[in-house]
Amino acid sequence: MLVSKDEPLQSSMPNVGFLVLRFLEKQPDKRATLGSIAKNLRKNNIRKYRPLMFGLVFLHSIDYCKR
């Protein structure tokens, strides 16, 4: 399930994945560290590591992350 009824929509996997993608597209070389992604997510009131990890898992599951 991508979105749980008990979870705030702001910290759902698809939303956090979208925020990560938007951050990556602003980077000149389309790369970022976990620290810089977490720092950017704090601006959107996502302060815990769980939504970040689930967002990255979501991006991996839709085969966006490449080596």
N, C-alpha and C. Protein backbone atom coordinates (compact mmCIF):
# COMPACT_ATOMS: atom_id res chain seq x y z
N MET A 1 0.84 -1.16 0.00
CA MET A 1 0.00 0.00 0.00
C MET A 1 0.90 1.24 0.00
N LEU A 2 0.67 2.13 -0.92
CA LEU A 2 1.48 3.33 -1.03
C LEU A 2 1.13 4.39 0.00
N VAL A 3 -0.15 4.51 0.31
CA VAL A 3 -0.59 5.53 1.26
C VAL A 3 -1.50 4.85 2.28
N SER A 4 -1.17 5.03 3.55
CA SER A 4 -1.97 4.46 4.62
C SER A 4 -2.94 5.52 5.14
N LYS A 5 -4.10 5.08 5.57
CA LYS A 5 -5.08 6.04 6.10
C LYS A 5 -4.63 6.59 7.45
N ASP A 6 -3.70 5.92 8.12
CA ASP A 6 -3.22 6.36 9.42
C ASP A 6 -1.98 7.25 9.32
N GLU A 7 -1.47 7.41 8.13
CA GLU A 7 -0.24 8.17 7.92
C GLU A 7 -0.57 9.53 7.31
N PRO A 8 0.11 10.57 7.79
CA PRO A 8 -0.11 11.88 7.14
C PRO A 8 0.32 11.83 5.68
N LEU A 9 -0.47 12.42 4.83
CA LEU A 9 -0.18 12.40 3.39
C LEU A 9 1.15 13.07 3.07
N GLN A 10 1.52 14.05 3.86
CA GLN A 10 2.77 14.78 3.61
C GLN A 10 3.99 13.86 3.70
N SER A 11 3.94 12.85 4.57
CA SER A 11 5.10 11.97 4.73
C SER A 11 4.89 10.62 4.05
N SER A 12 3.97 10.53 3.09
CA SER A 12 3.75 9.28 2.37
C SER A 12 4.88 9.03 1.37
N MET A 13 5.05 7.78 1.00
CA MET A 13 6.14 7.40 0.09
C MET A 13 6.10 8.17 -1.23
N PRO A 14 4.95 8.23 -1.91
CA PRO A 14 4.95 8.96 -3.19
C PRO A 14 5.26 10.45 -3.03
N ASN A 15 4.77 11.08 -1.98
CA ASN A 15 5.02 12.50 -1.79
C ASN A 15 6.50 12.75 -1.49
N VAL A 16 7.09 11.97 -0.62
CA VAL A 16 8.51 12.14 -0.31
C VAL A 16 9.36 11.83 -1.54
N GLY A 17 8.97 10.81 -2.29
CA GLY A 17 9.68 10.51 -3.55
C GLY A 17 9.63 11.68 -4.51
N PHE A 18 8.47 12.33 -4.60
CA PHE A 18 8.33 13.51 -5.45
C PHE A 18 9.24 14.63 -4.98
N LEU A 19 9.30 14.86 -3.67
CA LEU A 19 10.16 15.92 -3.13
C LEU A 19 11.63 15.62 -3.41
N VAL A 20 12.02 14.36 -3.30
CA VAL A 20 13.41 13.97 -3.60
C VAL A 20 13.70 14.20 -5.08
N LEU A 21 12.77 13.79 -5.95
CA LEU A 21 12.98 14.00 -7.39
C LEU A 21 13.08 15.48 -7.74
N ARG A 22 12.22 16.29 -7.14
CA ARG A 22 12.26 17.72 -7.40
C ARG A 22 13.60 18.32 -6.94
N PHE A 23 14.12 17.84 -5.80
CA PHE A 23 15.41 18.31 -5.31
C PHE A 23 16.53 17.87 -6.26
N LEU A 24 16.47 16.62 -6.71
CA LEU A 24 17.52 16.12 -7.60
C LEU A 24 17.53 16.86 -8.94
N GLU A 25 16.37 17.23 -9.43
CA GLU A 25 16.32 17.93 -10.71
C GLU A 25 16.92 19.33 -10.62
N LYS A 26 16.95 19.90 -9.43
CA LYS A 26 17.56 21.22 -9.26
C LYS A 26 19.08 21.15 -9.16
N GLN A 27 19.61 19.95 -8.92
CA GLN A 27 21.06 19.79 -8.80
C GLN A 27 21.69 19.81 -10.19
N PRO A 28 22.84 20.47 -10.33
CA PRO A 28 23.46 20.57 -11.66
C PRO A 28 23.87 19.21 -12.26
N ASP A 29 24.32 18.29 -11.43
CA ASP A 29 24.74 16.99 -11.95
C ASP A 29 23.75 15.87 -11.63
N LYS A 30 22.56 16.24 -11.12
CA LYS A 30 21.48 15.29 -10.81
C LYS A 30 21.90 14.26 -9.76
N ARG A 31 22.82 14.64 -8.86
CA ARG A 31 23.28 13.76 -7.80
C ARG A 31 23.19 14.51 -6.48
N ALA A 32 23.03 13.74 -5.39
CA ALA A 32 22.97 14.35 -4.06
C ALA A 32 23.33 13.31 -3.01
N THR A 33 23.76 13.77 -1.86
CA THR A 33 24.04 12.88 -0.74
C THR A 33 22.77 12.73 0.10
N LEU A 34 22.76 11.70 0.93
CA LEU A 34 21.61 11.52 1.82
C LEU A 34 21.46 12.70 2.76
N GLY A 35 22.58 13.25 3.21
CA GLY A 35 22.54 14.41 4.10
C GLY A 35 21.90 15.61 3.44
N SER A 36 22.24 15.87 2.19
CA SER A 36 21.66 17.02 1.51
C SER A 36 20.17 16.80 1.21
N ILE A 37 19.79 15.56 0.92
CA ILE A 37 18.37 15.26 0.70
C ILE A 37 17.60 15.44 2.01
N ALA A 38 18.15 14.93 3.11
CA ALA A 38 17.49 15.07 4.41
C ALA A 38 17.37 16.53 4.80
N LYS A 39 18.40 17.31 4.54
CA LYS A 39 18.36 18.74 4.86
C LYS A 39 17.26 19.43 4.05
N ASN A 40 17.13 19.06 2.79
CA ASN A 40 16.08 19.64 1.96
C ASN A 40 14.69 19.22 2.43
N LEU A 41 14.54 17.97 2.87
CA LEU A 41 13.24 17.50 3.34
C LEU A 41 12.84 18.20 4.63
N ARG A 42 13.82 18.62 5.45
CA ARG A 42 13.49 19.35 6.67
C ARG A 42 12.77 20.65 6.37
N LYS A 43 13.06 21.24 5.21
CA LYS A 43 12.36 22.47 4.81
C LYS A 43 10.88 22.20 4.57
N ASN A 44 10.54 20.95 4.29
CA ASN A 44 9.14 20.56 4.04
C ASN A 44 8.53 19.86 5.26
N ASN A 45 9.11 20.08 6.44
CA ASN A 45 8.63 19.50 7.70
C ASN A 45 8.67 17.98 7.73
N ILE A 46 9.61 17.38 7.05
CA ILE A 46 9.83 15.94 7.15
C ILE A 46 11.15 15.79 7.88
N ARG A 47 11.06 15.46 9.17
CA ARG A 47 12.23 15.50 10.03
C ARG A 47 12.71 14.12 10.47
N LYS A 48 11.98 13.09 10.20
CA LYS A 48 12.37 11.74 10.62
C LYS A 48 12.99 10.99 9.45
N TYR A 49 13.74 9.94 9.77
CA TYR A 49 14.42 9.18 8.72
C TYR A 49 13.48 8.21 8.02
N ARG A 50 12.41 7.78 8.68
CA ARG A 50 11.51 6.76 8.10
C ARG A 50 10.89 7.21 6.77
N PRO A 51 10.30 8.41 6.68
CA PRO A 51 9.76 8.84 5.40
C PRO A 51 10.83 8.94 4.31
N LEU A 52 12.04 9.36 4.69
CA LEU A 52 13.13 9.44 3.71
C LEU A 52 13.44 8.06 3.15
N MET A 53 13.59 7.08 4.03
CA MET A 53 13.91 5.72 3.57
C MET A 53 12.78 5.15 2.72
N PHE A 54 11.53 5.34 3.15
CA PHE A 54 10.41 4.83 2.36
C PHE A 54 10.30 5.56 1.02
N GLY A 55 10.61 6.85 1.00
CA GLY A 55 10.60 7.59 -0.26
C GLY A 55 11.66 7.06 -1.23
N LEU A 56 12.84 6.75 -0.70
CA LEU A 56 13.90 6.20 -1.54
C LEU A 56 13.56 4.79 -2.01
N VAL A 57 12.93 4.00 -1.13
CA VAL A 57 12.47 2.66 -1.53
C VAL A 57 11.41 2.78 -2.63
N PHE A 58 10.53 3.75 -2.51
CA PHE A 58 9.51 3.98 -3.54
C PHE A 58 10.17 4.29 -4.88
N LEU A 59 11.16 5.18 -4.88
CA LEU A 59 11.85 5.52 -6.13
C LEU A 59 12.56 4.30 -6.71
N HIS A 60 13.12 3.48 -5.85
CA HIS A 60 13.78 2.26 -6.32
C HIS A 60 12.76 1.28 -6.90
N SER A 61 11.59 1.20 -6.26
CA SER A 61 10.58 0.23 -6.71
C SER A 61 9.99 0.62 -8.07
N ILE A 62 9.97 1.91 -8.40
CA ILE A 62 9.48 2.30 -9.71
C ILE A 62 10.63 2.38 -10.73
N ASP A 63 11.79 1.87 -10.29
CA ASP A 63 12.98 1.75 -11.14
C ASP A 63 13.49 3.11 -11.61
N TYR A 64 13.41 4.10 -10.71
CA TYR A 64 13.96 5.40 -11.06
C TYR A 64 15.45 5.47 -10.74
N CYS A 65 15.84 4.88 -9.63
CA CYS A 65 17.24 4.94 -9.20
C CYS A 65 18.08 4.00 -10.04
N LYS A 66 19.08 4.54 -10.64
CA LYS A 66 19.98 3.74 -11.46
C LYS A 66 21.37 3.82 -10.87
N ARG A 67 22.20 2.82 -11.17
CA ARG A 67 23.57 2.80 -10.64
C ARG A 67 24.46 3.73 -11.38
